[in-house]
């Protein structure tokens, strides 16, 4: 097996594993990046581009979770800021 083929299969497997993790745990891109010790950009690329060619059904499922996370992003950010200031106060 050549190195190129090995790397391609590794990347495809990683994309599937990350997508499944996001779906199973309703995780954010940031949480997945931390779990797999890779960049947020890599998680995003795996879950929006690479996964489509490998497993279109899984791609559609992970897309739903990512879309919900995107809609809720401003709420999570506001809650984090609120917690920060409450901790500073007390």
N, C-alpha and C. Protein backbone atom coordinates (compact mmCIF):
# COMPACT_ATOMS: atom_id res chain seq x y z
N UNK A 1 0.86 -1.19 0.00
CA UNK A 1 0.00 0.00 0.00
C UNK A 1 0.90 1.24 0.00
N UNK A 2 0.64 2.14 -0.92
CA UNK A 2 1.45 3.35 -0.98
C UNK A 2 1.03 4.32 0.12
N UNK A 3 1.92 5.25 0.42
CA UNK A 3 1.66 6.23 1.47
C UNK A 3 0.45 7.08 1.13
N UNK A 4 0.29 7.46 -0.12
CA UNK A 4 -0.85 8.29 -0.56
C UNK A 4 -2.18 7.61 -0.30
N UNK A 5 -2.26 6.34 -0.61
CA UNK A 5 -3.51 5.60 -0.39
C UNK A 5 -3.78 5.47 1.11
N UNK A 6 -2.72 5.19 1.88
CA UNK A 6 -2.88 5.07 3.33
C UNK A 6 -3.39 6.38 3.92
N UNK A 7 -2.80 7.49 3.53
CA UNK A 7 -3.22 8.79 4.06
C UNK A 7 -4.66 9.09 3.69
N UNK A 8 -5.04 8.78 2.44
CA UNK A 8 -6.40 9.04 2.01
C UNK A 8 -7.39 8.22 2.83
N UNK A 9 -7.10 6.96 3.06
CA UNK A 9 -8.03 6.12 3.84
C UNK A 9 -8.06 6.58 5.29
N UNK A 10 -6.92 7.02 5.83
CA UNK A 10 -6.88 7.53 7.20
C UNK A 10 -7.76 8.77 7.33
N UNK A 11 -7.66 9.67 6.37
CA UNK A 11 -8.45 10.91 6.40
C UNK A 11 -9.94 10.59 6.28
N UNK A 12 -10.27 9.66 5.41
CA UNK A 12 -11.68 9.28 5.26
C UNK A 12 -12.22 8.65 6.54
N UNK A 13 -11.44 7.78 7.17
CA UNK A 13 -11.85 7.16 8.43
C UNK A 13 -12.01 8.21 9.52
N UNK A 14 -11.07 9.16 9.56
CA UNK A 14 -11.13 10.24 10.55
C UNK A 14 -12.40 11.07 10.35
N UNK A 15 -12.71 11.38 9.12
CA UNK A 15 -13.90 12.18 8.82
C UNK A 15 -15.16 11.45 9.30
N UNK A 16 -15.24 10.15 9.06
CA UNK A 16 -16.38 9.37 9.52
C UNK A 16 -16.46 9.36 11.04
N UNK A 17 -15.32 9.15 11.68
CA UNK A 17 -15.28 9.08 13.14
C UNK A 17 -15.69 10.42 13.77
N UNK A 18 -15.21 11.50 13.22
CA UNK A 18 -15.55 12.83 13.74
C UNK A 18 -17.04 13.12 13.53
N UNK A 19 -17.54 12.83 12.34
CA UNK A 19 -18.96 13.06 12.04
C UNK A 19 -19.83 12.25 13.00
N UNK A 20 -19.47 10.99 13.23
CA UNK A 20 -20.25 10.15 14.13
C UNK A 20 -20.21 10.69 15.56
N UNK A 21 -19.05 11.19 15.98
CA UNK A 21 -18.91 11.77 17.31
C UNK A 21 -19.83 12.99 17.46
N UNK A 22 -19.82 13.86 16.47
CA UNK A 22 -20.65 15.07 16.51
C UNK A 22 -22.12 14.70 16.58
N UNK A 23 -22.53 13.71 15.80
CA UNK A 23 -23.93 13.27 15.81
C UNK A 23 -24.30 12.63 17.15
N UNK A 24 -23.45 11.71 17.62
CA UNK A 24 -23.75 10.97 18.86
C UNK A 24 -23.83 11.86 20.09
N UNK A 25 -22.93 12.84 20.17
CA UNK A 25 -22.85 13.69 21.36
C UNK A 25 -23.40 15.09 21.14
N UNK A 26 -23.96 15.33 19.97
CA UNK A 26 -24.47 16.66 19.64
C UNK A 26 -23.39 17.71 19.90
N UNK A 27 -22.18 17.36 19.51
CA UNK A 27 -21.00 18.16 19.82
C UNK A 27 -20.81 19.32 18.85
N UNK A 28 -20.10 20.31 19.31
CA UNK A 28 -19.74 21.44 18.46
C UNK A 28 -18.42 21.12 17.74
N UNK A 29 -18.09 21.91 16.75
CA UNK A 29 -16.82 21.76 16.04
C UNK A 29 -15.67 21.91 17.04
N UNK A 30 -15.79 22.86 17.92
CA UNK A 30 -14.75 23.11 18.92
C UNK A 30 -14.56 21.89 19.83
N UNK A 31 -15.66 21.29 20.27
CA UNK A 31 -15.58 20.11 21.14
C UNK A 31 -14.95 18.93 20.40
N UNK A 32 -15.32 18.75 19.15
CA UNK A 32 -14.76 17.66 18.35
C UNK A 32 -13.26 17.88 18.12
N UNK A 33 -12.88 19.11 17.85
CA UNK A 33 -11.47 19.43 17.62
C UNK A 33 -10.65 19.10 18.87
N UNK A 34 -11.18 19.45 20.01
CA UNK A 34 -10.48 19.17 21.27
C UNK A 34 -10.38 17.66 21.50
N UNK A 35 -11.46 16.93 21.27
CA UNK A 35 -11.51 15.49 21.47
C UNK A 35 -10.50 14.77 20.58
N UNK A 36 -10.43 15.16 19.30
CA UNK A 36 -9.56 14.47 18.35
C UNK A 36 -8.18 15.13 18.21
N UNK A 37 -7.97 16.20 18.96
CA UNK A 37 -6.68 16.92 18.97
C UNK A 37 -6.26 17.37 17.57
N UNK A 38 -7.22 17.99 16.89
CA UNK A 38 -6.95 18.57 15.58
C UNK A 38 -7.58 19.96 15.56
N UNK A 39 -7.30 20.72 14.52
CA UNK A 39 -7.82 22.08 14.45
C UNK A 39 -9.31 22.11 14.12
N UNK A 40 -9.95 23.22 14.49
CA UNK A 40 -11.36 23.41 14.15
C UNK A 40 -11.54 23.43 12.64
N UNK A 41 -10.58 23.98 11.94
CA UNK A 41 -10.66 24.03 10.47
C UNK A 41 -10.68 22.64 9.87
N UNK A 42 -9.88 21.74 10.42
CA UNK A 42 -9.83 20.37 9.93
C UNK A 42 -11.15 19.65 10.21
N UNK A 43 -11.69 19.85 11.41
CA UNK A 43 -12.99 19.24 11.74
C UNK A 43 -14.05 19.74 10.77
N UNK A 44 -14.06 21.02 10.55
CA UNK A 44 -15.07 21.62 9.67
C UNK A 44 -14.93 21.07 8.25
N UNK A 45 -13.71 21.02 7.74
CA UNK A 45 -13.49 20.51 6.38
C UNK A 45 -13.89 19.04 6.29
N UNK A 46 -13.53 18.24 7.30
CA UNK A 46 -13.89 16.83 7.30
C UNK A 46 -15.41 16.66 7.27
N UNK A 47 -16.12 17.47 8.04
CA UNK A 47 -17.56 17.29 8.22
C UNK A 47 -18.41 17.98 7.16
N UNK A 48 -17.83 18.87 6.40
CA UNK A 48 -18.62 19.56 5.37
C UNK A 48 -18.21 19.17 3.96
N UNK A 49 -16.96 18.78 3.75
CA UNK A 49 -16.49 18.48 2.40
C UNK A 49 -16.12 17.01 2.23
N UNK A 50 -15.18 16.54 3.02
CA UNK A 50 -14.64 15.19 2.82
C UNK A 50 -15.68 14.10 3.03
N UNK A 51 -16.53 14.27 4.02
CA UNK A 51 -17.50 13.23 4.37
C UNK A 51 -18.53 13.02 3.25
N UNK A 52 -18.80 14.07 2.47
CA UNK A 52 -19.81 13.97 1.40
C UNK A 52 -19.47 12.89 0.38
N UNK A 53 -18.18 12.76 0.04
CA UNK A 53 -17.78 11.76 -0.95
C UNK A 53 -17.71 10.37 -0.35
N UNK A 54 -17.45 10.28 0.94
CA UNK A 54 -17.29 8.99 1.61
C UNK A 54 -18.63 8.40 2.02
N UNK A 55 -19.49 9.23 2.64
CA UNK A 55 -20.76 8.74 3.16
C UNK A 55 -21.80 9.88 3.13
N UNK A 56 -22.51 10.03 2.03
CA UNK A 56 -23.46 11.14 1.89
C UNK A 56 -24.57 11.15 2.95
N UNK A 57 -25.01 9.98 3.39
CA UNK A 57 -26.05 9.91 4.42
C UNK A 57 -25.56 10.48 5.74
N UNK A 58 -24.36 10.10 6.12
CA UNK A 58 -23.75 10.61 7.35
C UNK A 58 -23.49 12.11 7.23
N UNK A 59 -23.12 12.54 6.03
CA UNK A 59 -22.88 13.97 5.77
C UNK A 59 -24.15 14.78 6.03
N UNK A 60 -25.29 14.25 5.60
CA UNK A 60 -26.56 14.97 5.82
C UNK A 60 -26.90 15.04 7.30
N UNK A 61 -26.64 13.96 8.03
CA UNK A 61 -26.93 13.95 9.47
C UNK A 61 -26.05 14.94 10.23
N UNK A 62 -24.76 14.94 9.92
CA UNK A 62 -23.84 15.85 10.63
C UNK A 62 -24.14 17.30 10.25
N UNK A 63 -24.58 17.52 9.03
CA UNK A 63 -24.94 18.87 8.60
C UNK A 63 -26.08 19.43 9.45
N UNK A 64 -27.06 18.58 9.78
CA UNK A 64 -28.18 19.01 10.63
C UNK A 64 -27.67 19.47 11.99
N UNK A 65 -26.77 18.70 12.59
CA UNK A 65 -26.23 19.06 13.91
C UNK A 65 -25.44 20.36 13.81
N UNK A 66 -24.61 20.48 12.78
CA UNK A 66 -23.80 21.69 12.61
C UNK A 66 -24.68 22.92 12.40
N UNK A 67 -25.78 22.76 11.67
CA UNK A 67 -26.69 23.88 11.44
C UNK A 67 -27.36 24.33 12.74
N UNK A 68 -27.78 23.37 13.56
CA UNK A 68 -28.38 23.72 14.86
C UNK A 68 -27.35 24.43 15.73
N UNK A 69 -26.13 23.90 15.76
CA UNK A 69 -25.07 24.53 16.56
C UNK A 69 -24.81 25.96 16.10
N UNK A 70 -24.86 26.17 14.80
CA UNK A 70 -24.63 27.52 14.27
C UNK A 70 -25.75 28.46 14.70
N UNK A 71 -26.98 27.98 14.71
CA UNK A 71 -28.11 28.81 15.13
C UNK A 71 -28.02 29.14 16.62
N UNK A 72 -27.49 28.23 17.41
CA UNK A 72 -27.43 28.43 18.86
C UNK A 72 -26.14 29.08 19.32
N UNK A 73 -25.22 29.32 18.41
CA UNK A 73 -23.90 29.84 18.76
C UNK A 73 -23.96 31.13 19.57
N UNK A 74 -24.80 32.07 19.17
CA UNK A 74 -24.87 33.35 19.87
C UNK A 74 -25.40 33.18 21.29
N UNK A 75 -26.23 32.19 21.50
CA UNK A 75 -26.77 31.95 22.85
C UNK A 75 -25.66 31.42 23.76
N UNK A 76 -24.90 30.44 23.26
CA UNK A 76 -23.80 29.88 24.05
C UNK A 76 -22.76 30.94 24.37
N UNK A 77 -22.47 31.80 23.40
CA UNK A 77 -21.50 32.87 23.63
C UNK A 77 -21.97 33.84 24.70
N UNK A 78 -23.24 34.19 24.68
CA UNK A 78 -23.80 35.07 25.69
C UNK A 78 -23.78 34.45 27.06
N UNK A 79 -24.05 33.16 27.13
CA UNK A 79 -24.03 32.46 28.42
C UNK A 79 -22.61 32.40 28.98
N UNK A 80 -21.63 32.18 28.12
CA UNK A 80 -20.23 32.13 28.56
C UNK A 80 -19.79 33.48 29.11
N UNK A 81 -20.18 34.54 28.43
CA UNK A 81 -19.83 35.89 28.88
C UNK A 81 -20.49 36.18 30.23
N UNK A 82 -21.74 35.78 30.37
CA UNK A 82 -22.47 35.98 31.62
C UNK A 82 -21.77 35.26 32.77
N UNK A 83 -21.38 34.02 32.53
CA UNK A 83 -20.68 33.23 33.56
C UNK A 83 -19.37 33.89 33.94
N UNK A 84 -18.66 34.41 32.96
CA UNK A 84 -17.37 35.06 33.21
C UNK A 84 -17.55 36.24 34.17
N UNK A 85 -18.55 37.07 33.89
CA UNK A 85 -18.76 38.25 34.72
C UNK A 85 -19.33 37.90 36.10
N UNK A 86 -20.13 36.84 36.18
CA UNK A 86 -20.63 36.40 37.48
C UNK A 86 -19.49 35.87 38.36
N UNK A 87 -18.54 35.19 37.75
CA UNK A 87 -17.39 34.70 38.51
C UNK A 87 -16.49 35.84 38.96
N UNK A 88 -16.36 36.86 38.14
CA UNK A 88 -15.53 38.01 38.50
C UNK A 88 -16.16 38.77 39.66
N UNK A 89 -17.49 38.82 39.68
CA UNK A 89 -18.22 39.54 40.71
C UNK A 89 -18.13 38.84 42.06
N UNK A 90 -18.34 37.54 42.04
CA UNK A 90 -18.48 36.78 43.27
C UNK A 90 -17.29 36.04 43.62
